[in-house]
PDB file of N, CA and C in Angstrom:
ATOM      1  N   MET A   1     -23.586-178.148-112.012  1.00  0.00           N
ATOM      2  CA  MET A   1     -23.901-176.921-112.643  1.00  0.00           C
ATOM      3  C   MET A   1     -24.000-175.897-111.513  1.00  0.00           C
ATOM      4  N   PHE A   2     -23.882-174.659-111.836  1.00  0.00           N
ATOM      5  CA  PHE A   2     -23.952-173.549-110.903  1.00  0.00           C
ATOM      6  C   PHE A   2     -24.905-172.471-111.457  1.00  0.00           C
ATOM      7  N   ALA A   3     -26.108-172.462-110.770  1.00  0.00           N
ATOM      8  CA  ALA A   3     -27.048-171.328-111.081  1.00  0.00           C
ATOM      9  C   ALA A   3     -26.837-170.175-110.254  1.00  0.00           C
ATOM     10  N   LEU A   4     -26.753-169.017-110.785  1.00  0.00           N
ATOM     11  CA  LEU A   4     -26.534-167.737-110.100  1.00  0.00           C
ATOM     12  C   LEU A   4     -27.849-166.898-110.203  1.00  0.00           C
ATOM     13  N   THR A   5     -28.371-166.512-109.069  1.00  0.00           N
ATOM     14  CA  THR A   5     -29.497-165.619-108.970  1.00  0.00           C
ATOM     15  C   THR A   5     -29.204-164.457-108.182  1.00  0.00           C
ATOM     16  N   ILE A   6     -29.195-163.280-108.843  1.00  0.00           N
ATOM     17  CA  ILE A   6     -28.811-161.969-108.012  1.00  0.00           C
ATOM     18  C   ILE A   6     -30.113-161.137-107.923  1.00  0.00           C
ATOM     19  N   ASP A   7     -30.177-160.470-106.835  1.00  0.00           N
ATOM     20  CA  ASP A   7     -31.239-159.450-106.554  1.00  0.00           C
ATOM     21  C   ASP A   7     -30.680-158.236-106.179  1.00  0.00           C
ATOM     22  N   ARG A   8     -31.175-157.191-106.738  1.00  0.00           N
ATOM     23  CA  ARG A   8     -30.671-155.884-106.545  1.00  0.00           C
ATOM     24  C   ARG A   8     -30.871-155.428-105.114  1.00  0.00           C
ATOM     25  N   ARG A   9     -29.855-154.906-104.356  1.00  0.00           N
ATOM     26  CA  ARG A   9     -30.096-154.452-103.102  1.00  0.00           C
ATOM     27  C   ARG A   9     -30.886-153.148-103.070  1.00  0.00           C
ATOM     28  N   ASP A  10     -31.823-153.009-102.111  1.00  0.00           N
ATOM     29  CA  ASP A  10     -32.503-151.677-101.891  1.00  0.00           C
ATOM     30  C   ASP A  10     -33.201-151.295-103.180  1.00  0.00           C
ATOM     31  N   SER A  11     -33.765-152.328-103.878  1.00  0.00           N
ATOM     32  CA  SER A  11     -34.371-151.940-105.171  1.00  0.00           C
ATOM     33  C   SER A  11     -35.717-151.114-104.870  1.00  0.00           C
ATOM     34  N   ARG A  12     -36.255-151.307-103.911  1.00  0.00           N
ATOM     35  CA  ARG A  12     -37.590-150.503-103.688  1.00  0.00           C
ATOM     36  C   ARG A  12     -37.138-149.015-103.398  1.00  0.00           C
ATOM     37  N   GLY A  13     -36.178-148.775-102.758  1.00  0.00           N
ATOM     38  CA  GLY A  13     -35.774-147.422-102.461  1.00  0.00           C
ATOM     39  C   GLY A  13     -35.070-146.704-103.567  1.00  0.00           C
ATOM     40  N   ARG A  14     -34.650-147.533-104.440  1.00  0.00           N
ATOM     41  CA  ARG A  14     -33.984-146.950-105.636  1.00  0.00           C
ATOM     42  C   ARG A  14     -34.441-147.442-107.004  1.00  0.00           C
ATOM     43  N   ALA A  15     -35.702-147.378-107.054  1.00  0.00           N
ATOM     44  CA  ALA A  15     -36.448-148.004-108.251  1.00  0.00           C
ATOM     45  C   ALA A  15     -36.010-147.139-109.560  1.00  0.00           C
ATOM     46  N   ALA A  16     -35.888-145.936-109.332  1.00  0.00           N
ATOM     47  CA  ALA A  16     -35.634-145.036-110.561  1.00  0.00           C
ATOM     48  C   ALA A  16     -34.119-145.366-111.124  1.00  0.00           C
ATOM     49  N   GLU A  17     -33.369-146.072-110.275  1.00  0.00           N
ATOM     50  CA  GLU A  17     -32.022-146.288-110.604  1.00  0.00           C
ATOM     51  C   GLU A  17     -31.723-147.693-111.004  1.00  0.00           C
ATOM     52  N   LEU A  18     -32.719-148.523-111.138  1.00  0.00           N
ATOM     53  CA  LEU A  18     -32.459-150.041-111.480  1.00  0.00           C
ATOM     54  C   LEU A  18     -31.938-150.242-112.848  1.00  0.00           C
ATOM     55  N   HIS A  19     -32.473-149.713-113.946  1.00  0.00           N
ATOM     56  CA  HIS A  19     -31.997-149.893-115.272  1.00  0.00           C
ATOM     57  C   HIS A  19     -31.566-151.299-115.474  1.00  0.00           C
ATOM     58  N   MET A  20     -32.400-152.221-115.193  1.00  0.00           N
ATOM     59  CA  MET A  20     -31.938-153.725-115.315  1.00  0.00           C
ATOM     60  C   MET A  20     -31.434-154.134-116.736  1.00  0.00           C
ATOM     61  N   GLY A  21     -31.884-153.571-117.795  1.00  0.00           N
ATOM     62  CA  GLY A  21     -31.325-153.852-119.071  1.00  0.00           C
ATOM     63  C   GLY A  21     -29.814-153.511-119.155  1.00  0.00           C
ATOM     64  N   ARG A  22     -29.469-152.342-118.705  1.00  0.00           N
ATOM     65  CA  ARG A  22     -28.097-151.882-118.579  1.00  0.00           C
ATOM     66  C   ARG A  22     -27.311-152.723-117.564  1.00  0.00           C
ATOM     67  N   GLN A  23     -27.954-153.106-116.578  1.00  0.00           N
ATOM     68  CA  GLN A  23     -27.208-153.997-115.581  1.00  0.00           C
ATOM     69  C   GLN A  23     -26.848-155.300-116.213  1.00  0.00           C
ATOM     70  N   ARG A  24     -27.860-155.859-116.969  1.00  0.00           N
ATOM     71  CA  ARG A  24     -27.683-157.102-117.703  1.00  0.00           C
ATOM     72  C   ARG A  24     -26.523-156.988-118.792  1.00  0.00           C
ATOM     73  N   THR A  25     -26.520-155.940-119.488  1.00  0.00           N
ATOM     74  CA  THR A  25     -25.417-155.756-120.477  1.00  0.00           C
ATOM     75  C   THR A  25     -24.012-155.615-119.803  1.00  0.00           C
ATOM     76  N   ALA A  26     -24.102-154.835-118.719  1.00  0.00           N
ATOM     77  CA  ALA A  26     -22.803-154.693-117.989  1.00  0.00           C
ATOM     78  C   ALA A  26     -22.339-156.191-117.477  1.00  0.00           C
ATOM     79  N   LEU A  27     -23.064-156.924-116.949  1.00  0.00           N
ATOM     80  CA  LEU A  27     -22.684-158.283-116.548  1.00  0.00           C
ATOM     81  C   LEU A  27     -22.188-159.058-117.666  1.00  0.00           C
ATOM     82  N   GLN A  28     -22.891-158.964-118.781  1.00  0.00           N
ATOM     83  CA  GLN A  28     -22.386-159.778-120.021  1.00  0.00           C
ATOM     84  C   GLN A  28     -21.160-159.395-120.466  1.00  0.00           C
ATOM     85  N   GLU A  29     -20.788-158.000-120.259  1.00  0.00           N
ATOM     86  CA  GLU A  29     -19.480-157.547-120.717  1.00  0.00           C
ATOM     87  C   GLU A  29     -18.362-157.785-119.723  1.00  0.00           C
ATOM     88  N   GLU A  30     -18.710-157.685-118.448  1.00  0.00           N
ATOM     89  CA  GLU A  30     -17.679-157.831-117.469  1.00  0.00           C
ATOM     90  C   GLU A  30     -17.387-159.073-116.813  1.00  0.00           C
ATOM     91  N   LEU A  31     -18.300-159.981-116.828  1.00  0.00           N
ATOM     92  CA  LEU A  31     -18.095-161.225-116.150  1.00  0.00           C
ATOM     93  C   LEU A  31     -17.799-162.368-116.958  1.00  0.00           C
ATOM     94  N   PRO A  32     -17.261-163.461-116.476  1.00  0.00           N
ATOM     95  CA  PRO A  32     -16.978-164.653-117.371  1.00  0.00           C
ATOM     96  C   PRO A  32     -18.360-165.075-118.048  1.00  0.00           C
ATOM     97  N   ARG A  33     -18.041-165.727-119.228  1.00  0.00           N
ATOM     98  CA  ARG A  33     -19.313-166.140-120.057  1.00  0.00           C
ATOM     99  C   ARG A  33     -19.933-167.322-119.405  1.00  0.00           C
ATOM    100  N   PRO A  34     -21.266-167.207-119.185  1.00  0.00           N
ATOM    101  CA  PRO A  34     -21.934-168.399-118.623  1.00  0.00           C
ATOM    102  C   PRO A  34     -22.406-169.317-119.843  1.00  0.00           C
ATOM    103  N   VAL A  35     -22.864-170.441-119.494  1.00  0.00           N
ATOM    104  CA  VAL A  35     -23.440-171.443-120.294  1.00  0.00           C
ATOM    105  C   VAL A  35     -24.804-170.825-120.920  1.00  0.00           C
ATOM    106  N   LEU A  36     -25.613-170.477-120.016  1.00  0.00           N
ATOM    107  CA  LEU A  36     -26.921-169.787-120.316  1.00  0.00           C
ATOM    108  C   LEU A  36     -26.671-168.291-119.963  1.00  0.00           C
ATOM    109  N   ASP A  37     -26.786-167.338-120.742  1.00  0.00           N
ATOM    110  CA  ASP A  37     -26.412-165.867-120.578  1.00  0.00           C
ATOM    111  C   ASP A  37     -27.449-165.392-119.534  1.00  0.00           C
ATOM    112  N   TRP A  38     -26.898-164.261-119.005  1.00  0.00           N
ATOM    113  CA  TRP A  38     -27.649-163.366-118.005  1.00  0.00           C
ATOM    114  C   TRP A  38     -28.896-162.984-118.641  1.00  0.00           C
ATOM    115  N   GLU A  39     -30.115-163.153-117.899  1.00  0.00           N
ATOM    116  CA  GLU A  39     -31.401-162.669-118.262  1.00  0.00           C
ATOM    117  C   GLU A  39     -32.032-162.044-117.015  1.00  0.00           C
ATOM    118  N   ILE A  40     -32.930-161.105-117.288  1.00  0.00           N
ATOM    119  CA  ILE A  40     -33.792-160.569-116.138  1.00  0.00           C
ATOM    120  C   ILE A  40     -34.780-161.544-115.864  1.00  0.00           C
ATOM    121  N   SER A  41     -34.836-162.164-114.689  1.00  0.00           N
ATOM    122  CA  SER A  41     -35.859-163.224-114.318  1.00  0.00           C
ATOM    123  C   SER A  41     -37.039-162.472-113.534  1.00  0.00           C
ATOM    124  N   ALA A  42     -36.791-161.364-113.004  1.00  0.00           N
ATOM    125  CA  ALA A  42     -37.890-160.651-112.306  1.00  0.00           C
ATOM    126  C   ALA A  42     -37.547-159.170-112.450  1.00  0.00           C
ATOM    127  N   GLY A  43     -38.438-158.282-111.840  1.00  0.00           N
ATOM    128  CA  GLY A  43     -38.174-156.865-112.004  1.00  0.00           C
ATOM    129  C   GLY A  43     -36.780-156.445-111.554  1.00  0.00           C
ATOM    130  N   ASP A  44     -36.241-156.953-110.403  1.00  0.00           N
ATOM    131  CA  ASP A  44     -34.968-156.619-109.977  1.00  0.00           C
ATOM    132  C   ASP A  44     -33.955-157.688-109.782  1.00  0.00           C
ATOM    133  N   GLU A  45     -34.168-158.834-110.540  1.00  0.00           N
ATOM    134  CA  GLU A  45     -33.381-159.978-110.531  1.00  0.00           C
ATOM    135  C   GLU A  45     -32.813-160.350-111.822  1.00  0.00           C
ATOM    136  N   LEU A  46     -31.641-161.002-111.819  1.00  0.00           N
ATOM    137  CA  LEU A  46     -31.059-161.516-112.923  1.00  0.00           C
ATOM    138  C   LEU A  46     -30.561-162.960-112.618  1.00  0.00           C
ATOM    139  N   GLN A  47     -30.468-163.818-113.635  1.00  0.00           N
ATOM    140  CA  GLN A  47     -29.963-165.148-113.491  1.00  0.00           C
ATOM    141  C   GLN A  47     -29.070-165.573-114.656  1.00  0.00           C
ATOM    142  N   ALA A  48     -28.147-166.435-114.274  1.00  0.00           N
ATOM    143  CA  ALA A  48     -27.353-167.050-115.404  1.00  0.00           C
ATOM    144  C   ALA A  48     -26.975-168.508-114.881  1.00  0.00           C
ATOM    145  N   LEU A  49     -26.421-169.286-115.772  1.00  0.00           N
ATOM    146  CA  LEU A  49     -26.000-170.705-115.449  1.00  0.00           C
ATOM    147  C   LEU A  49     -24.614-170.930-115.883  1.00  0.00           C
ATOM    148  N   TYR A  50     -23.716-171.343-114.994  1.00  0.00           N
ATOM    149  CA  TYR A  50     -22.338-171.614-115.277  1.00  0.00           C
ATOM    150  C   TYR A  50     -22.076-173.206-115.066  1.00  0.00           C
ATOM    151  N   ASP A  51     -21.044-173.630-115.820  1.00  0.00           N
ATOM    152  CA  ASP A  51     -20.582-174.962-115.667  1.00  0.00           C
ATOM    153  C   ASP A  51     -19.182-175.170-115.148  1.00  0.00           C
ATOM    154  N   ASP A  52     -18.499-173.977-114.980  1.00  0.00           N
ATOM    155  CA  ASP A  52     -17.024-173.893-114.620  1.00  0.00           C
ATOM    156  C   ASP A  52     -16.871-173.162-113.246  1.00  0.00           C
ATOM    157  N   ALA A  53     -16.404-173.896-112.263  1.00  0.00           N
ATOM    158  CA  ALA A  53     -16.324-173.474-110.967  1.00  0.00           C
ATOM    159  C   ALA A  53     -15.471-172.182-110.842  1.00  0.00           C
ATOM    160  N   ALA A  54     -14.332-172.189-111.654  1.00  0.00           N
ATOM    161  CA  ALA A  54     -13.506-170.902-111.541  1.00  0.00           C
ATOM    162  C   ALA A  54     -14.308-169.717-111.979  1.00  0.00           C
ATOM    163  N   ALA A  55     -15.103-169.832-113.041  1.00  0.00           N
ATOM    164  CA  ALA A  55     -15.849-168.803-113.521  1.00  0.00           C
ATOM    165  C   ALA A  55     -16.870-168.249-112.487  1.00  0.00           C
ATOM    166  N   ILE A  56     -17.532-169.296-111.818  1.00  0.00           N
ATOM    167  CA  ILE A  56     -18.559-168.830-110.879  1.00  0.00           C
ATOM    168  C   ILE A  56     -17.877-168.112-109.713  1.00  0.00           C
ATOM    169  N   VAL A  57     -16.816-168.539-109.338  1.00  0.00           N
ATOM    170  CA  VAL A  57     -15.998-167.740-108.244  1.00  0.00           C
ATOM    171  C   VAL A  57     -15.776-166.380-108.652  1.00  0.00           C
ATOM    172  N   ARG A  58     -15.246-166.191-109.855  1.00  0.00           N
ATOM    173  CA  ARG A  58     -14.823-164.942-110.379  1.00  0.00           C
ATOM    174  C   ARG A  58     -16.115-163.976-110.374  1.00  0.00           C
ATOM    175  N   ALA A  59     -17.201-164.548-110.958  1.00  0.00           N
ATOM    176  CA  ALA A  59     -18.562-163.839-110.998  1.00  0.00           C
ATOM    177  C   ALA A  59     -18.962-163.420-109.594  1.00  0.00           C
ATOM    178  N   VAL A  60     -19.043-164.395-108.777  1.00  0.00           N
ATOM    179  CA  VAL A  60     -19.505-164.059-107.429  1.00  0.00           C
ATOM    180  C   VAL A  60     -18.692-163.027-106.695  1.00  0.00           C
ATOM    181  N   LEU A  61     -17.338-163.123-106.765  1.00  0.00           N
ATOM    182  CA  LEU A  61     -16.377-162.182-106.174  1.00  0.00           C
ATOM    183  C   LEU A  61     -16.685-160.762-106.674  1.00  0.00           C
ATOM    184  N   ALA A  62     -16.820-160.702-107.988  1.00  0.00           N
ATOM    185  CA  ALA A  62     -16.985-159.363-108.542  1.00  0.00           C
ATOM    186  C   ALA A  62     -18.384-158.751-108.096  1.00  0.00           C
ATOM    187  N   LEU A  63     -19.434-159.634-108.160  1.00  0.00           N
ATOM    188  CA  LEU A  63     -20.879-159.259-107.718  1.00  0.00           C
ATOM    189  C   LEU A  63     -20.790-158.684-106.210  1.00  0.00           C
ATOM    190  N   ALA A  64     -19.996-159.546-105.420  1.00  0.00           N
ATOM    191  CA  ALA A  64     -20.090-159.210-103.945  1.00  0.00           C
ATOM    192  C   ALA A  64     -19.266-157.889-103.737  1.00  0.00           C
ATOM    193  N   ASP A  65     -18.149-157.764-104.464  1.00  0.00           N
ATOM    194  CA  ASP A  65     -17.367-156.695-104.349  1.00  0.00           C
ATOM    195  C   ASP A  65     -17.979-155.302-104.752  1.00  0.00           C
ATOM    196  N   ALA A  66     -18.892-155.396-105.742  1.00  0.00           N
ATOM    197  CA  ALA A  66     -19.704-154.257-106.177  1.00  0.00           C
ATOM    198  C   ALA A  66     -20.689-153.758-105.131  1.00  0.00           C
ATOM    199  N   GLY A  67     -21.189-154.633-104.292  1.00  0.00           N
ATOM    200  CA  GLY A  67     -22.029-154.328-103.137  1.00  0.00           C
ATOM    201  C   GLY A  67     -23.427-153.857-103.503  1.00  0.00           C
ATOM    202  N   HIS A  68     -23.790-154.170-104.740  1.00  0.00           N
ATOM    203  CA  HIS A  68     -25.174-153.739-105.229  1.00  0.00           C
ATOM    204  C   HIS A  68     -26.101-154.858-105.226  1.00  0.00           C
ATOM    205  N   TRP A  69     -25.618-156.091-104.946  1.00  0.00           N
ATOM    206  CA  TRP A  69     -26.520-157.284-105.187  1.00  0.00           C
ATOM    207  C   TRP A  69     -26.455-158.215-104.012  1.00  0.00           C
ATOM    208  N   HIS A  70     -27.686-158.898-103.787  1.00  0.00           N
ATOM    209  CA  HIS A  70     -27.699-160.088-102.935  1.00  0.00           C
ATOM    210  C   HIS A  70     -27.473-161.186-103.978  1.00  0.00           C
ATOM    211  N   VAL A  71     -26.500-162.122-103.671  1.00  0.00           N
ATOM    212  CA  VAL A  71     -26.030-163.138-104.600  1.00  0.00           C
ATOM    213  C   VAL A  71     -26.380-164.424-103.981  1.00  0.00           C
ATOM    214  N   GLY A  72     -27.021-165.393-104.849  1.00  0.00           N
ATOM    215  CA  GLY A  72     -27.467-166.567-104.504  1.00  0.00           C
ATOM    216  C   GLY A  72     -26.824-167.650-105.483  1.00  0.00           C
ATOM    217  N   VAL A  73     -25.998-168.668-104.990  1.00  0.00           N
ATOM    218  CA  VAL A  73     -25.369-169.646-105.777  1.00  0.00           C
ATOM    219  C   VAL A  73     -26.024-170.984-105.520  1.00  0.00           C
ATOM    220  N   GLY A  74     -26.541-171.516-106.572  1.00  0.00           N
ATOM    221  CA  GLY A  74     -27.153-172.889-106.421  1.00  0.00           C
ATOM    222  C   GLY A  74     -26.195-173.919-107.113  1.00  0.00           C
ATOM    223  N   ILE A  75     -25.852-174.936-106.457  1.00  0.00           N
ATOM    224  CA  ILE A  75     -24.986-176.061-106.926  1.00  0.00           C
ATOM    225  C   ILE A  75     -25.783-177.237-107.063  1.00  0.00           C
ATOM    226  N   GLY A  76     -25.883-177.780-108.246  1.00  0.00           N
ATOM    227  CA  GLY A  76     -26.657-179.045-108.429  1.00  0.00           C
ATOM    228  C   GLY A  76     -26.931-179.338-109.955  1.00  0.00           C
ATOM    229  N   ALA A  77     -27.898-180.286-110.061  1.00  0.00           N
ATOM    230  CA  ALA A  77     -28.200-180.733-111.359  1.00  0.00           C
ATOM    231  C   ALA A  77     -29.175-179.741-112.072  1.00  0.00           C
ATOM    232  N   VAL A  78     -29.147-179.702-113.363  1.00  0.00           N
ATOM    233  CA  VAL A  78     -30.023-178.942-114.142  1.00  0.00           C
ATOM    234  C   VAL A  78     -30.722-179.975-115.086  1.00  0.00           C
ATOM    235  N   ASP A  79     -31.927-179.726-115.203  1.00  0.00           N
ATOM    236  CA  ASP A  79     -32.751-180.677-116.087  1.00  0.00           C
ATOM    237  C   ASP A  79     -32.339-180.541-117.600  1.00  0.00           C
ATOM    238  N   ASP A  80     -32.104-181.701-118.302  1.00  0.00           N
ATOM    239  CA  ASP A  80     -31.820-181.804-119.695  1.00  0.00           C
ATOM    240  C   ASP A  80     -32.963-181.926-120.430  1.00  0.00           C
ATOM    241  N   PRO A  81     -33.029-181.442-121.656  1.00  0.00           N
ATOM    242  CA  PRO A  81     -31.966-180.724-122.350  1.00  0.00           C
ATOM    243  C   PRO A  81     -32.024-179.287-121.882  1.00  0.00           C
ATOM    244  N   LEU A  82     -30.879-178.570-122.025  1.00  0.00           N
ATOM    245  CA  LEU A  82     -30.777-177.256-121.644  1.00  0.00           C
ATOM    246  C   LEU A  82     -31.464-176.495-122.672  1.00  0.00           C
ATOM    247  N   PRO A  83     -32.295-175.532-122.058  1.00  0.00           N
ATOM    248  CA  PRO A  83     -33.061-174.684-123.108  1.00  0.00           C
ATOM    249  C   PRO A  83     -32.097-173.524-123.555  1.00  0.00           C
ATOM    250  N   SER A  84     -32.615-172.758-124.512  1.00  0.00           N
ATOM    251  CA  SER A  84     -31.711-171.687-124.980  1.00  0.00           C
ATOM    252  C   SER A  84     -31.786-170.411-124.065  1.00  0.00           C
ATOM    253  N   SER A  85     -32.706-170.379-123.105  1.00  0.00           N
ATOM    254  CA  SER A  85     -32.895-169.271-122.165  1.00  0.00           C
ATOM    255  C   SER A  85     -32.794-169.776-120.697  1.00  0.00           C
ATOM    256  N   VAL A  86     -32.072-168.978-119.813  1.00  0.00           N
ATOM    257  CA  VAL A  86     -31.979-169.351-118.554  1.00  0.00           C
ATOM    258  C   VAL A  86     -33.250-169.412-117.808  1.00  0.00           C
ATOM    259  N   ARG A  87     -34.153-168.511-118.341  1.00  0.00           N
ATOM    260  CA  ARG A  87     -35.439-168.354-117.629  1.00  0.00           C
ATOM    261  C   ARG A  87     -36.331-169.556-117.816  1.00  0.00           C
ATOM    262  N   GLU A  88     -35.956-170.515-118.896  1.00  0.00           N
ATOM    263  CA  GLU A  88     -36.767-171.705-119.107  1.00  0.00           C
ATOM    264  C   GLU A  88     -36.021-172.892-118.370  1.00  0.00           C
ATOM    265  N   ALA A  89     -34.924-172.749-117.790  1.00  0.00           N
ATOM    266  CA  ALA A  89     -34.119-173.888-117.292  1.00  0.00           C
ATOM    267  C   ALA A  89     -34.742-174.165-115.895  1.00  0.00           C
ATOM    268  N   THR A  90     -34.656-175.447-115.489  1.00  0.00           N
ATOM    269  CA  THR A  90     -35.043-175.952-114.200  1.00  0.00           C
ATOM    270  C   THR A  90     -34.039-176.944-113.667  1.00  0.00           C
ATOM    271  N   GLY A  91     -34.312-177.234-112.484  1.00  0.00           N
ATOM    272  CA  GLY A  91     -33.414-178.248-111.677  1.00  0.00           C
ATOM    273  C   GLY A  91     -33.025-177.723-110.480  1.00  0.00           C
ATOM    274  N   GLU A  92     -32.323-178.767-109.606  1.00  0.00           N
ATOM    275  CA  GLU A  92     -31.958-178.405-108.188  1.00  0.00           C
ATOM    276  C   GLU A  92     -31.017-177.265-108.015  1.00  0.00           C
ATOM    277  N   ALA A  93     -30.178-176.957-109.010  1.00  0.00           N
ATOM    278  CA  ALA A  93     -29.373-175.830-109.053  1.00  0.00           C
ATOM    279  C   ALA A  93     -30.062-174.481-108.810  1.00  0.00           C
ATOM    280  N   PHE A  94     -31.257-174.473-109.667  1.00  0.00           N
ATOM    281  CA  PHE A  94     -32.048-173.213-109.677  1.00  0.00           C
ATOM    282  C   PHE A  94     -32.908-173.087-108.391  1.00  0.00           C
ATOM    283  N   VAL A  95     -33.354-174.188-107.886  1.00  0.00           N
ATOM    284  CA  VAL A  95     -34.045-174.176-106.537  1.00  0.00           C
ATOM    285  C   VAL A  95     -33.157-173.723-105.471  1.00  0.00           C
ATOM    286  N   ALA A  96     -31.910-174.258-105.541  1.00  0.00           N
ATOM    287  CA  ALA A  96     -30.864-173.892-104.481  1.00  0.00           C
ATOM    288  C   ALA A  96     -30.561-172.461-104.583  1.00  0.00           C
ATOM    289  N   ALA A  97     -30.358-171.897-105.853  1.00  0.00           N
ATOM    290  CA  ALA A  97     -30.076-170.454-106.020  1.00  0.00           C
ATOM    291  C   ALA A  97     -31.065-169.550-105.461  1.00  0.00           C
ATOM    292  N   ARG A  98     -32.345-169.949-105.780  1.00  0.00           N
ATOM    293  CA  ARG A  98     -33.476-169.142-105.175  1.00  0.00           C
ATOM    294  C   ARG A  98     -33.429-169.126-103.692  1.00  0.00           C
ATOM    295  N   ASP A  99     -33.323-170.315-102.997  1.00  0.00           N
ATOM    296  CA  ASP A  99     -33.186-170.433-101.562  1.00  0.00           C
ATOM    297  C   ASP A  99     -32.032-169.572-101.064  1.00  0.00           C
ATOM    298  N   ALA A 100     -30.922-169.594-101.734  1.00  0.00           N
ATOM    299  CA  ALA A 100     -29.618-168.872-101.356  1.00  0.00           C
ATOM    300  C   ALA A 100     -29.866-167.450-101.552  1.00  0.00           C
ATOM    301  N   VAL A 101     -30.459-166.921-102.594  1.00  0.00           N
ATOM    302  CA  VAL A 101     -30.619-165.431-102.603  1.00  0.00           C
ATOM    303  C   VAL A 101     -31.603-164.915-101.647  1.00  0.00           C
ATOM    304  N   ASN A 102     -32.722-165.696-101.397  1.00  0.00           N
ATOM    305  CA  ASN A 102     -33.620-165.353-100.324  1.00  0.00           C
ATOM    306  C   ASN A 102     -32.907-165.263 -98.919  1.00  0.00           C
ATOM    307  N   ALA A 103     -32.042-166.262 -98.670  1.00  0.00           N
ATOM    308  CA  ALA A 103     -31.301-166.275 -97.455  1.00  0.00           C
ATOM    309  C   ALA A 103     -30.240-165.197 -97.317  1.00  0.00           C
ATOM    310  N   ALA A 104     -29.690-164.811 -98.376  1.00  0.00           N
ATOM    311  CA  ALA A 104     -28.730-163.580 -98.505  1.00  0.00           C
ATOM    312  C   ALA A 104     -29.564-162.373 -98.032  1.00  0.00           C
ATOM    313  N   LYS A 105     -30.759-162.263 -98.517  1.00  0.00           N
ATOM    314  CA  LYS A 105     -31.564-160.963 -98.211  1.00  0.00           C
ATOM    315  C   LYS A 105     -31.978-161.103 -96.759  1.00  0.00           C
ATOM    316  N   GLU A 106     -32.358-162.229 -96.337  1.00  0.00           N
ATOM    317  CA  GLU A 106     -32.855-162.301 -94.887  1.00  0.00           C
ATOM    318  C   GLU A 106     -31.681-162.163 -93.948  1.00  0.00           C
ATOM    319  N   ARG A 107     -30.520-162.624 -94.199  1.00  0.00           N
ATOM    320  CA  ARG A 107     -29.439-162.607 -93.349  1.00  0.00           C
ATOM    321  C   ARG A 107     -28.543-161.301 -93.404  1.00  0.00           C
ATOM    322  N   GLY A 108     -28.872-160.569 -94.481  1.00  0.00           N
ATOM    323  CA  GLY A 108     -28.072-159.261 -94.732  1.00  0.00           C
ATOM    324  C   GLY A 108     -26.724-159.562 -95.206  1.00  0.00           C
ATOM    325  N   ARG A 109     -26.428-160.660 -95.649  1.00  0.00           N
ATOM    326  CA  ARG A 109     -25.079-161.211 -96.118  1.00  0.00           C
ATOM    327  C   ARG A 109     -25.202-161.002 -97.634  1.00  0.00           C
ATOM    328  N   PRO A 110     -24.037-160.629 -98.353  1.00  0.00           N
ATOM    329  CA  PRO A 110     -24.063-160.474 -99.765  1.00  0.00           C
ATOM    330  C   PRO A 110     -24.262-161.722-100.598  1.00  0.00           C
ATOM    331  N   VAL A 111     -23.554-162.803-100.061  1.00  0.00           N
ATOM    332  CA  VAL A 111     -23.581-164.049-100.764  1.00  0.00           C
ATOM    333  C   VAL A 111     -23.928-165.245 -99.952  1.00  0.00           C
ATOM    334  N   VAL A 112     -24.762-166.158-100.484  1.00  0.00           N
ATOM    335  CA  VAL A 112     -25.109-167.281 -99.782  1.00  0.00           C
ATOM    336  C   VAL A 112     -25.210-168.455-100.891  1.00  0.00           C
ATOM    337  N   ALA A 113     -24.402-169.540-100.622  1.00  0.00           N
ATOM    338  CA  ALA A 113     -24.565-170.684-101.446  1.00  0.00           C
ATOM    339  C   ALA A 113     -25.620-171.779-101.029  1.00  0.00           C
ATOM    340  N   GLY A 114     -26.309-172.220-102.061  1.00  0.00           N
ATOM    341  CA  GLY A 114     -27.237-173.312-101.648  1.00  0.00           C
ATOM    342  C   GLY A 114     -26.576-174.686-101.990  1.00  0.00           C
ATOM    343  N   ASN A 115     -27.168-175.729-101.394  1.00  0.00           N
ATOM    344  CA  ASN A 115     -26.611-177.035-101.519  1.00  0.00           C
ATOM    345  C   ASN A 115     -25.308-177.217-100.978  1.00  0.00           C
ATOM    346  N   GLU A 116     -24.970-176.622 -99.841  1.00  0.00           N
ATOM    347  CA  GLU A 116     -23.576-176.614 -99.254  1.00  0.00           C
ATOM    348  C   GLU A 116     -23.201-177.944 -98.636  1.00  0.00           C
ATOM    349  N   ASP A 117     -24.296-178.865 -98.402  1.00  0.00           N
ATOM    350  CA  ASP A 117     -23.909-180.117 -97.769  1.00  0.00           C
ATOM    351  C   ASP A 117     -22.936-180.994 -98.458  1.00  0.00           C
TER     352      ASP A 117
END
């Protein structure tokens, strides 16, 4: 499975422009459909869960191209049964996505993948 955690770049400096509900709706309309749909997981973060490698690549490329997001991809197992909400999902893919988005912010790179071993 592929967990995707994205964090809005420069959110503190642009707090008035966040509009995370609108951001979520745009992602739902523009990106490939995930297994667990996009949800706001923190003030300036969104998460989704994919099971299709091609879909995750398309999503990551679109997000990186936009330049507004730090993107963390976590690859790995997700605990069963899958909940109805991505915010309730757990597993190594989500841990890796969190580590990856934090690394993307620290390194100043738009995308980092976790569990690359």
